[in-house]
Amino acid sequence: MSDKVPATGDSAINTKLGMLANVKVRMTVEVGRTEITIQDLLRLNEGSVIELDRMAGDPLDILVNGTIIARGEVVVVGERFGIRFGEIVDPETRMASV
């Protein structure tokens, strides 16, 4: 038996993906994480600095609906921040985490 999906299967997959093309998802970029106590949280004020779990220059996590899909770096686009995609998580890993 062949492990290949027939061409008609590819067409069906493309049709299903086409139906999802306009569904909105939430994309977030995570700079880092940390844990603090409630006491420390209540002490935060303007100018407070909290150390995160990443080093300066480390790639940032790019998430879609809470699932990491890639890593990238911050760039400036005009007067706004953007993200340049670097390492892309392979589709099998992404689907396994859904």
PDB file of N, CA and C in Angstrom:
ATOM      1  N   MET A   1       0.829  -1.185   0.000  1.00  0.00           N
ATOM      2  CA  MET A   1       0.000   0.000   0.000  1.00  0.00           C
ATOM      3  C   MET A   1       0.868   1.241   0.000  1.00  0.00           C
ATOM      4  N   SER A   2       0.367   2.268  -0.613  1.00  0.00           N
ATOM      5  CA  SER A   2       1.093   3.524  -0.690  1.00  0.00           C
ATOM      6  C   SER A   2       0.702   4.419   0.480  1.00  0.00           C
ATOM      7  N   ASP A   3       1.688   5.155   1.013  1.00  0.00           N
ATOM      8  CA  ASP A   3       1.414   6.100   2.090  1.00  0.00           C
ATOM      9  C   ASP A   3       0.988   7.460   1.560  1.00  0.00           C
ATOM     10  N   LYS A   4       1.016   7.645   0.250  1.00  0.00           N
ATOM     11  CA  LYS A   4       0.698   8.943  -0.329  1.00  0.00           C
ATOM     12  C   LYS A   4      -0.804   9.180  -0.337  1.00  0.00           C
ATOM     13  N   VAL A   5      -1.183  10.430  -0.068  1.00  0.00           N
ATOM     14  CA  VAL A   5      -2.587  10.825  -0.139  1.00  0.00           C
ATOM     15  C   VAL A   5      -2.900  11.121  -1.592  1.00  0.00           C
ATOM     16  N   PRO A   6      -4.016  10.648  -2.113  1.00  0.00           N
ATOM     17  CA  PRO A   6      -4.348  10.925  -3.504  1.00  0.00           C
ATOM     18  C   PRO A   6      -4.482  12.416  -3.751  1.00  0.00           C
ATOM     19  N   ALA A   7      -4.291  12.809  -4.994  1.00  0.00           N
ATOM     20  CA  ALA A   7      -4.370  14.218  -5.381  1.00  0.00           C
ATOM     21  C   ALA A   7      -5.704  14.819  -4.979  1.00  0.00           C
ATOM     22  N   THR A   8      -6.778  14.042  -5.040  1.00  0.00           N
ATOM     23  CA  THR A   8      -8.080  14.565  -4.634  1.00  0.00           C
ATOM     24  C   THR A   8      -8.079  14.927  -3.157  1.00  0.00           C
ATOM     25  N   GLY A   9      -7.292  14.226  -2.351  1.00  0.00           N
ATOM     26  CA  GLY A   9      -7.161  14.562  -0.940  1.00  0.00           C
ATOM     27  C   GLY A   9      -6.516  15.921  -0.757  1.00  0.00           C
ATOM     28  N   ASP A  10      -5.487  16.214  -1.580  1.00  0.00           N
ATOM     29  CA  ASP A  10      -4.839  17.523  -1.529  1.00  0.00           C
ATOM     30  C   ASP A  10      -5.845  18.615  -1.846  1.00  0.00           C
ATOM     31  N   SER A  11      -6.687  18.374  -2.827  1.00  0.00           N
ATOM     32  CA  SER A  11      -7.696  19.349  -3.220  1.00  0.00           C
ATOM     33  C   SER A  11      -8.680  19.589  -2.079  1.00  0.00           C
ATOM     34  N   ALA A  12      -9.081  18.524  -1.405  1.00  0.00           N
ATOM     35  CA  ALA A  12     -10.006  18.648  -0.282  1.00  0.00           C
ATOM     36  C   ALA A  12      -9.370  19.434   0.857  1.00  0.00           C
ATOM     37  N   ILE A  13      -8.096  19.187   1.115  1.00  0.00           N
ATOM     38  CA  ILE A  13      -7.387  19.928   2.164  1.00  0.00           C
ATOM     39  C   ILE A  13      -7.322  21.403   1.807  1.00  0.00           C
ATOM     40  N   ASN A  14      -6.975  21.716   0.564  1.00  0.00           N
ATOM     41  CA  ASN A  14      -6.907  23.114   0.129  1.00  0.00           C
ATOM     42  C   ASN A  14      -8.263  23.795   0.247  1.00  0.00           C
ATOM     43  N   THR A  15      -9.340  23.080  -0.066  1.00  0.00           N
ATOM     44  CA  THR A  15     -10.682  23.647   0.058  1.00  0.00           C
ATOM     45  C   THR A  15     -10.988  23.956   1.514  1.00  0.00           C
ATOM     46  N   LYS A  16     -10.656  23.035   2.417  1.00  0.00           N
ATOM     47  CA  LYS A  16     -10.902  23.257   3.842  1.00  0.00           C
ATOM     48  C   LYS A  16     -10.065  24.418   4.369  1.00  0.00           C
ATOM     49  N   LEU A  17      -8.804  24.497   3.949  1.00  0.00           N
ATOM     50  CA  LEU A  17      -7.953  25.613   4.374  1.00  0.00           C
ATOM     51  C   LEU A  17      -8.495  26.924   3.833  1.00  0.00           C
ATOM     52  N   GLY A  18      -9.012  26.900   2.614  1.00  0.00           N
ATOM     53  CA  GLY A  18      -9.594  28.098   2.021  1.00  0.00           C
ATOM     54  C   GLY A  18     -10.760  28.619   2.839  1.00  0.00           C
ATOM     55  N   MET A  19     -11.533  27.721   3.424  1.00  0.00           N
ATOM     56  CA  MET A  19     -12.667  28.129   4.251  1.00  0.00           C
ATOM     57  C   MET A  19     -12.193  28.815   5.530  1.00  0.00           C
ATOM     58  N   LEU A  20     -10.995  28.511   5.969  1.00  0.00           N
ATOM     59  CA  LEU A  20     -10.453  29.100   7.196  1.00  0.00           C
ATOM     60  C   LEU A  20      -9.637  30.363   6.948  1.00  0.00           C
ATOM     61  N   ALA A  21      -9.411  30.692   5.690  1.00  0.00           N
ATOM     62  CA  ALA A  21      -8.489  31.770   5.336  1.00  0.00           C
ATOM     63  C   ALA A  21      -8.812  33.100   6.008  1.00  0.00           C
ATOM     64  N   ASN A  22     -10.065  33.402   6.263  1.00  0.00           N
ATOM     65  CA  ASN A  22     -10.443  34.693   6.843  1.00  0.00           C
ATOM     66  C   ASN A  22     -10.705  34.641   8.341  1.00  0.00           C
ATOM     67  N   VAL A  23     -10.420  33.501   8.969  1.00  0.00           N
ATOM     68  CA  VAL A  23     -10.581  33.388  10.420  1.00  0.00           C
ATOM     69  C   VAL A  23      -9.434  34.138  11.085  1.00  0.00           C
ATOM     70  N   LYS A  24      -9.774  35.006  12.038  1.00  0.00           N
ATOM     71  CA  LYS A  24      -8.745  35.775  12.733  1.00  0.00           C
ATOM     72  C   LYS A  24      -8.167  34.962  13.885  1.00  0.00           C
ATOM     73  N   VAL A  25      -6.856  35.086  14.070  1.00  0.00           N
ATOM     74  CA  VAL A  25      -6.152  34.457  15.181  1.00  0.00           C
ATOM     75  C   VAL A  25      -5.364  35.537  15.909  1.00  0.00           C
ATOM     76  N   ARG A  26      -5.029  35.286  17.155  1.00  0.00           N
ATOM     77  CA  ARG A  26      -4.250  36.261  17.926  1.00  0.00           C
ATOM     78  C   ARG A  26      -2.779  35.895  17.857  1.00  0.00           C
ATOM     79  N   MET A  27      -1.970  36.821  17.337  1.00  0.00           N
ATOM     80  CA  MET A  27      -0.522  36.630  17.292  1.00  0.00           C
ATOM     81  C   MET A  27       0.097  37.520  18.364  1.00  0.00           C
ATOM     82  N   THR A  28       0.958  36.912  19.182  1.00  0.00           N
ATOM     83  CA  THR A  28       1.671  37.666  20.204  1.00  0.00           C
ATOM     84  C   THR A  28       3.160  37.370  20.099  1.00  0.00           C
ATOM     85  N   VAL A  29       3.943  38.310  20.573  1.00  0.00           N
ATOM     86  CA  VAL A  29       5.392  38.143  20.608  1.00  0.00           C
ATOM     87  C   VAL A  29       5.805  38.264  22.068  1.00  0.00           C
ATOM     88  N   GLU A  30       6.481  37.242  22.551  1.00  0.00           N
ATOM     89  CA  GLU A  30       6.846  37.187  23.961  1.00  0.00           C
ATOM     90  C   GLU A  30       8.317  37.529  24.144  1.00  0.00           C
ATOM     91  N   VAL A  31       8.557  38.581  24.918  1.00  0.00           N
ATOM     92  CA  VAL A  31       9.922  39.031  25.202  1.00  0.00           C
ATOM     93  C   VAL A  31      10.567  38.145  26.260  1.00  0.00           C
ATOM     94  N   GLY A  32       9.797  37.738  27.242  1.00  0.00           N
ATOM     95  CA  GLY A  32      10.318  36.899  28.313  1.00  0.00           C
ATOM     96  C   GLY A  32       9.282  36.723  29.399  1.00  0.00           C
ATOM     97  N   ARG A  33       9.653  35.954  30.413  1.00  0.00           N
ATOM     98  CA  ARG A  33       8.748  35.669  31.531  1.00  0.00           C
ATOM     99  C   ARG A  33       9.508  35.749  32.840  1.00  0.00           C
ATOM    100  N   THR A  34       8.748  35.901  33.898  1.00  0.00           N
ATOM    101  CA  THR A  34       9.304  35.826  35.243  1.00  0.00           C
ATOM    102  C   THR A  34       8.174  35.544  36.215  1.00  0.00           C
ATOM    103  N   GLU A  35       8.505  35.156  37.410  1.00  0.00           N
ATOM    104  CA  GLU A  35       7.526  34.994  38.480  1.00  0.00           C
ATOM    105  C   GLU A  35       7.887  35.961  39.584  1.00  0.00           C
ATOM    106  N   ILE A  36       6.860  36.631  40.115  1.00  0.00           N
ATOM    107  CA  ILE A  36       7.074  37.527  41.250  1.00  0.00           C
ATOM    108  C   ILE A  36       5.970  37.267  42.269  1.00  0.00           C
ATOM    109  N   THR A  37       6.235  37.682  43.486  1.00  0.00           N
ATOM    110  CA  THR A  37       5.230  37.527  44.538  1.00  0.00           C
ATOM    111  C   THR A  37       4.183  38.631  44.405  1.00  0.00           C
ATOM    112  N   ILE A  38       3.048  38.413  45.009  1.00  0.00           N
ATOM    113  CA  ILE A  38       2.004  39.441  45.041  1.00  0.00           C
ATOM    114  C   ILE A  38       2.547  40.694  45.728  1.00  0.00           C
ATOM    115  N   GLN A  39       3.336  40.500  46.771  1.00  0.00           N
ATOM    116  CA  GLN A  39       3.913  41.635  47.490  1.00  0.00           C
ATOM    117  C   GLN A  39       4.766  42.482  46.542  1.00  0.00           C
ATOM    118  N   ASP A  40       5.629  41.825  45.748  1.00  0.00           N
ATOM    119  CA  ASP A  40       6.461  42.563  44.794  1.00  0.00           C
ATOM    120  C   ASP A  40       5.611  43.204  43.700  1.00  0.00           C
ATOM    121  N   LEU A  41       4.563  42.523  43.279  1.00  0.00           N
ATOM    122  CA  LEU A  41       3.660  43.075  42.269  1.00  0.00           C
ATOM    123  C   LEU A  41       3.029  44.372  42.760  1.00  0.00           C
ATOM    124  N   LEU A  42       2.620  44.383  44.014  1.00  0.00           N
ATOM    125  CA  LEU A  42       1.990  45.576  44.581  1.00  0.00           C
ATOM    126  C   LEU A  42       2.974  46.728  44.761  1.00  0.00           C
ATOM    127  N   ARG A  43       4.256  46.436  44.800  1.00  0.00           N
ATOM    128  CA  ARG A  43       5.279  47.477  44.961  1.00  0.00           C
ATOM    129  C   ARG A  43       5.676  48.124  43.634  1.00  0.00           C
ATOM    130  N   LEU A  44       5.252  47.546  42.518  1.00  0.00           N
ATOM    131  CA  LEU A  44       5.642  48.092  41.211  1.00  0.00           C
ATOM    132  C   LEU A  44       5.065  49.483  41.016  1.00  0.00           C
ATOM    133  N   ASN A  45       5.881  50.350  40.444  1.00  0.00           N
ATOM    134  CA  ASN A  45       5.413  51.687  40.100  1.00  0.00           C
ATOM    135  C   ASN A  45       6.170  52.164  38.866  1.00  0.00           C
ATOM    136  N   GLU A  46       5.866  53.358  38.435  1.00  0.00           N
ATOM    137  CA  GLU A  46       6.528  53.904  37.254  1.00  0.00           C
ATOM    138  C   GLU A  46       8.041  53.890  37.452  1.00  0.00           C
ATOM    139  N   GLY A  47       8.754  53.337  36.490  1.00  0.00           N
ATOM    140  CA  GLY A  47      10.203  53.250  36.568  1.00  0.00           C
ATOM    141  C   GLY A  47      10.716  51.925  37.118  1.00  0.00           C
ATOM    142  N   SER A  48       9.824  51.092  37.634  1.00  0.00           N
ATOM    143  CA  SER A  48      10.239  49.776  38.138  1.00  0.00           C
ATOM    144  C   SER A  48      10.791  48.941  36.992  1.00  0.00           C
ATOM    145  N   VAL A  49      11.775  48.107  37.301  1.00  0.00           N
ATOM    146  CA  VAL A  49      12.376  47.213  36.310  1.00  0.00           C
ATOM    147  C   VAL A  49      12.300  45.791  36.854  1.00  0.00           C
ATOM    148  N   ILE A  50      11.870  44.874  36.004  1.00  0.00           N
ATOM    149  CA  ILE A  50      11.804  43.462  36.379  1.00  0.00           C
ATOM    150  C   ILE A  50      12.683  42.682  35.422  1.00  0.00           C
ATOM    151  N   GLU A  51      13.535  41.827  35.978  1.00  0.00           N
ATOM    152  CA  GLU A  51      14.413  40.990  35.156  1.00  0.00           C
ATOM    153  C   GLU A  51      13.618  39.816  34.599  1.00  0.00           C
ATOM    154  N   LEU A  52      13.798  39.559  33.306  1.00  0.00           N
ATOM    155  CA  LEU A  52      13.111  38.450  32.645  1.00  0.00           C
ATOM    156  C   LEU A  52      14.053  37.266  32.477  1.00  0.00           C
ATOM    157  N   ASP A  53      13.517  36.165  31.977  1.00  0.00           N
ATOM    158  CA  ASP A  53      14.287  34.926  31.848  1.00  0.00           C
ATOM    159  C   ASP A  53      15.116  34.843  30.571  1.00  0.00           C
ATOM    160  N   ARG A  54      15.189  35.902  29.803  1.00  0.00           N
ATOM    161  CA  ARG A  54      15.938  35.887  28.543  1.00  0.00           C
ATOM    162  C   ARG A  54      17.068  36.898  28.589  1.00  0.00           C
ATOM    163  N   MET A  55      18.077  36.614  27.783  1.00  0.00           N
ATOM    164  CA  MET A  55      19.203  37.530  27.654  1.00  0.00           C
ATOM    165  C   MET A  55      18.893  38.539  26.551  1.00  0.00           C
ATOM    166  N   ALA A  56      19.469  39.723  26.656  1.00  0.00           N
ATOM    167  CA  ALA A  56      19.332  40.716  25.590  1.00  0.00           C
ATOM    168  C   ALA A  56      19.885  40.113  24.307  1.00  0.00           C
ATOM    169  N   GLY A  57      19.160  40.253  23.220  1.00  0.00           N
ATOM    170  CA  GLY A  57      19.596  39.715  21.938  1.00  0.00           C
ATOM    171  C   GLY A  57      19.079  38.319  21.636  1.00  0.00           C
ATOM    172  N   ASP A  58      18.507  37.635  22.650  1.00  0.00           N
ATOM    173  CA  ASP A  58      17.912  36.317  22.401  1.00  0.00           C
ATOM    174  C   ASP A  58      16.714  36.466  21.470  1.00  0.00           C
ATOM    175  N   PRO A  59      16.442  35.453  20.646  1.00  0.00           N
ATOM    176  CA  PRO A  59      15.245  35.522  19.803  1.00  0.00           C
ATOM    177  C   PRO A  59      13.979  35.527  20.659  1.00  0.00           C
ATOM    178  N   LEU A  60      12.947  36.181  20.155  1.00  0.00           N
ATOM    179  CA  LEU A  60      11.668  36.265  20.845  1.00  0.00           C
ATOM    180  C   LEU A  60      10.744  35.167  20.341  1.00  0.00           C
ATOM    181  N   ASP A  61       9.851  34.680  21.194  1.00  0.00           N
ATOM    182  CA  ASP A  61       8.870  33.677  20.779  1.00  0.00           C
ATOM    183  C   ASP A  61       7.710  34.368  20.078  1.00  0.00           C
ATOM    184  N   ILE A  62       7.289  33.807  18.950  1.00  0.00           N
ATOM    185  CA  ILE A  62       6.123  34.285  18.218  1.00  0.00           C
ATOM    186  C   ILE A  62       5.051  33.214  18.391  1.00  0.00           C
ATOM    187  N   LEU A  63       3.916  33.614  18.954  1.00  0.00           N
ATOM    188  CA  LEU A  63       2.848  32.661  19.260  1.00  0.00           C
ATOM    189  C   LEU A  63       1.572  33.012  18.505  1.00  0.00           C
ATOM    190  N   VAL A  64       0.835  31.991  18.098  1.00  0.00           N
ATOM    191  CA  VAL A  64      -0.501  32.169  17.539  1.00  0.00           C
ATOM    192  C   VAL A  64      -1.450  31.399  18.440  1.00  0.00           C
ATOM    193  N   ASN A  65      -2.406  32.126  19.010  1.00  0.00           N
ATOM    194  CA  ASN A  65      -3.362  31.545  19.959  1.00  0.00           C
ATOM    195  C   ASN A  65      -2.660  30.738  21.050  1.00  0.00           C
ATOM    196  N   GLY A  66      -1.526  31.256  21.530  1.00  0.00           N
ATOM    197  CA  GLY A  66      -0.807  30.635  22.635  1.00  0.00           C
ATOM    198  C   GLY A  66       0.158  29.528  22.262  1.00  0.00           C
ATOM    199  N   THR A  67       0.270  29.204  20.967  1.00  0.00           N
ATOM    200  CA  THR A  67       1.166  28.146  20.509  1.00  0.00           C
ATOM    201  C   THR A  67       2.357  28.761  19.786  1.00  0.00           C
ATOM    202  N   ILE A  68       3.573  28.390  20.190  1.00  0.00           N
ATOM    203  CA  ILE A  68       4.766  28.926  19.527  1.00  0.00           C
ATOM    204  C   ILE A  68       4.816  28.412  18.097  1.00  0.00           C
ATOM    205  N   ILE A  69       4.917  29.360  17.148  1.00  0.00           N
ATOM    206  CA  ILE A  69       5.031  28.977  15.740  1.00  0.00           C
ATOM    207  C   ILE A  69       6.385  29.348  15.157  1.00  0.00           C
ATOM    208  N   ALA A  70       7.101  30.269  15.837  1.00  0.00           N
ATOM    209  CA  ALA A  70       8.382  30.729  15.296  1.00  0.00           C
ATOM    210  C   ALA A  70       9.135  31.499  16.366  1.00  0.00           C
ATOM    211  N   ARG A  71      10.369  31.859  16.027  1.00  0.00           N
ATOM    212  CA  ARG A  71      11.167  32.770  16.846  1.00  0.00           C
ATOM    213  C   ARG A  71      11.663  33.867  15.922  1.00  0.00           C
ATOM    214  N   GLY A  72      11.857  35.051  16.463  1.00  0.00           N
ATOM    215  CA  GLY A  72      12.265  36.152  15.609  1.00  0.00           C
ATOM    216  C   GLY A  72      12.934  37.260  16.392  1.00  0.00           C
ATOM    217  N   GLU A  73      13.141  38.378  15.696  1.00  0.00           N
ATOM    218  CA  GLU A  73      13.800  39.526  16.314  1.00  0.00           C
ATOM    219  C   GLU A  73      13.003  40.790  16.036  1.00  0.00           C
ATOM    220  N   VAL A  74      13.131  41.752  16.943  1.00  0.00           N
ATOM    221  CA  VAL A  74      12.439  43.028  16.800  1.00  0.00           C
ATOM    222  C   VAL A  74      13.119  43.854  15.717  1.00  0.00           C
ATOM    223  N   VAL A  75      12.291  44.488  14.881  1.00  0.00           N
ATOM    224  CA  VAL A  75      12.778  45.421  13.871  1.00  0.00           C
ATOM    225  C   VAL A  75      11.924  46.680  13.959  1.00  0.00           C
ATOM    226  N   VAL A  76      12.401  47.762  13.362  1.00  0.00           N
ATOM    227  CA  VAL A  76      11.631  48.997  13.293  1.00  0.00           C
ATOM    228  C   VAL A  76      11.126  49.145  11.870  1.00  0.00           C
ATOM    229  N   VAL A  77       9.813  49.358  11.740  1.00  0.00           N
ATOM    230  CA  VAL A  77       9.173  49.545  10.441  1.00  0.00           C
ATOM    231  C   VAL A  77       8.525  50.923  10.476  1.00  0.00           C
ATOM    232  N   GLY A  78       9.185  51.894   9.843  1.00  0.00           N
ATOM    233  CA  GLY A  78       8.685  53.267   9.942  1.00  0.00           C
ATOM    234  C   GLY A  78       8.811  53.731  11.378  1.00  0.00           C
ATOM    235  N   GLU A  79       7.667  54.073  11.984  1.00  0.00           N
ATOM    236  CA  GLU A  79       7.662  54.515  13.375  1.00  0.00           C
ATOM    237  C   GLU A  79       7.112  53.445  14.316  1.00  0.00           C
ATOM    238  N   ARG A  80       6.985  52.227  13.821  1.00  0.00           N
ATOM    239  CA  ARG A  80       6.420  51.144  14.633  1.00  0.00           C
ATOM    240  C   ARG A  80       7.424  50.006  14.777  1.00  0.00           C
ATOM    241  N   PHE A  81       7.183  49.188  15.788  1.00  0.00           N
ATOM    242  CA  PHE A  81       7.968  47.971  15.943  1.00  0.00           C
ATOM    243  C   PHE A  81       7.375  46.885  15.062  1.00  0.00           C
ATOM    244  N   GLY A  82       8.224  45.982  14.616  1.00  0.00           N
ATOM    245  CA  GLY A  82       7.790  44.813  13.861  1.00  0.00           C
ATOM    246  C   GLY A  82       8.590  43.621  14.339  1.00  0.00           C
ATOM    247  N   ILE A  83       8.360  42.490  13.717  1.00  0.00           N
ATOM    248  CA  ILE A  83       9.100  41.276  14.069  1.00  0.00           C
ATOM    249  C   ILE A  83       9.565  40.599  12.793  1.00  0.00           C
ATOM    250  N   ARG A  84      10.840  40.263  12.745  1.00  0.00           N
ATOM    251  CA  ARG A  84      11.394  39.516  11.606  1.00  0.00           C
ATOM    252  C   ARG A  84      11.435  38.049  12.010  1.00  0.00           C
ATOM    253  N   PHE A  85      10.737  37.224  11.226  1.00  0.00           N
ATOM    254  CA  PHE A  85      10.694  35.794  11.514  1.00  0.00           C
ATOM    255  C   PHE A  85      12.049  35.175  11.237  1.00  0.00           C
ATOM    256  N   GLY A  86      12.479  34.336  12.140  1.00  0.00           N
ATOM    257  CA  GLY A  86      13.712  33.582  11.975  1.00  0.00           C
ATOM    258  C   GLY A  86      13.362  32.110  11.888  1.00  0.00           C
ATOM    259  N   GLU A  87      13.655  31.391  12.953  1.00  0.00           N
ATOM    260  CA  GLU A  87      13.373  29.951  13.010  1.00  0.00           C
ATOM    261  C   GLU A  87      11.860  29.711  13.039  1.00  0.00           C
ATOM    262  N   ILE A  88      11.370  28.876  12.121  1.00  0.00           N
ATOM    263  CA  ILE A  88       9.955  28.508  12.067  1.00  0.00           C
ATOM    264  C   ILE A  88       9.808  27.099  12.650  1.00  0.00           C
ATOM    265  N   VAL A  89       8.854  26.931  13.552  1.00  0.00           N
ATOM    266  CA  VAL A  89       8.600  25.615  14.133  1.00  0.00           C
ATOM    267  C   VAL A  89       7.946  24.747  13.060  1.00  0.00           C
ATOM    268  N   ASP A  90       8.420  23.511  12.908  1.00  0.00           N
ATOM    269  CA  ASP A  90       7.882  22.656  11.848  1.00  0.00           C
ATOM    270  C   ASP A  90       6.403  22.352  12.095  1.00  0.00           C
ATOM    271  N   PRO A  91       5.621  22.177  11.020  1.00  0.00           N
ATOM    272  CA  PRO A  91       4.166  21.994  11.143  1.00  0.00           C
ATOM    273  C   PRO A  91       3.754  20.828  12.039  1.00  0.00           C
ATOM    274  N   GLU A  92       4.499  19.724  12.019  1.00  0.00           N
ATOM    275  CA  GLU A  92       4.132  18.580  12.850  1.00  0.00           C
ATOM    276  C   GLU A  92       4.202  18.935  14.334  1.00  0.00           C
ATOM    277  N   THR A  93       5.239  19.671  14.720  1.00  0.00           N
ATOM    278  CA  THR A  93       5.381  20.088  16.114  1.00  0.00           C
ATOM    279  C   THR A  93       4.267  21.049  16.495  1.00  0.00           C
ATOM    280  N   ARG A  94       3.948  21.987  15.594  1.00  0.00           N
ATOM    281  CA  ARG A  94       2.861  22.931  15.861  1.00  0.00           C
ATOM    282  C   ARG A  94       1.546  22.200  16.071  1.00  0.00           C
ATOM    283  N   MET A  95       1.235  21.253  15.206  1.00  0.00           N
ATOM    284  CA  MET A  95      -0.033  20.533  15.295  1.00  0.00           C
ATOM    285  C   MET A  95      -0.087  19.664  16.550  1.00  0.00           C
ATOM    286  N   ALA A  96       1.044  19.131  16.972  1.00  0.00           N
ATOM    287  CA  ALA A  96       1.081  18.291  18.169  1.00  0.00           C
ATOM    288  C   ALA A  96       0.769  19.100  19.421  1.00  0.00           C
ATOM    289  N   SER A  97       1.056  20.401  19.394  1.00  0.00           N
ATOM    290  CA  SER A  97       0.839  21.226  20.575  1.00  0.00           C
ATOM    291  C   SER A  97      -0.546  21.853  20.610  1.00  0.00           C
ATOM    292  N   VAL A  98      -1.352  21.626  19.587  1.00  0.00           N
ATOM    293  CA  VAL A  98      -2.707  22.203  19.546  1.00  0.00           C
ATOM    294  C   VAL A  98      -3.657  21.337  20.336  1.00  0.00           C
TER     295      VAL A  98
END
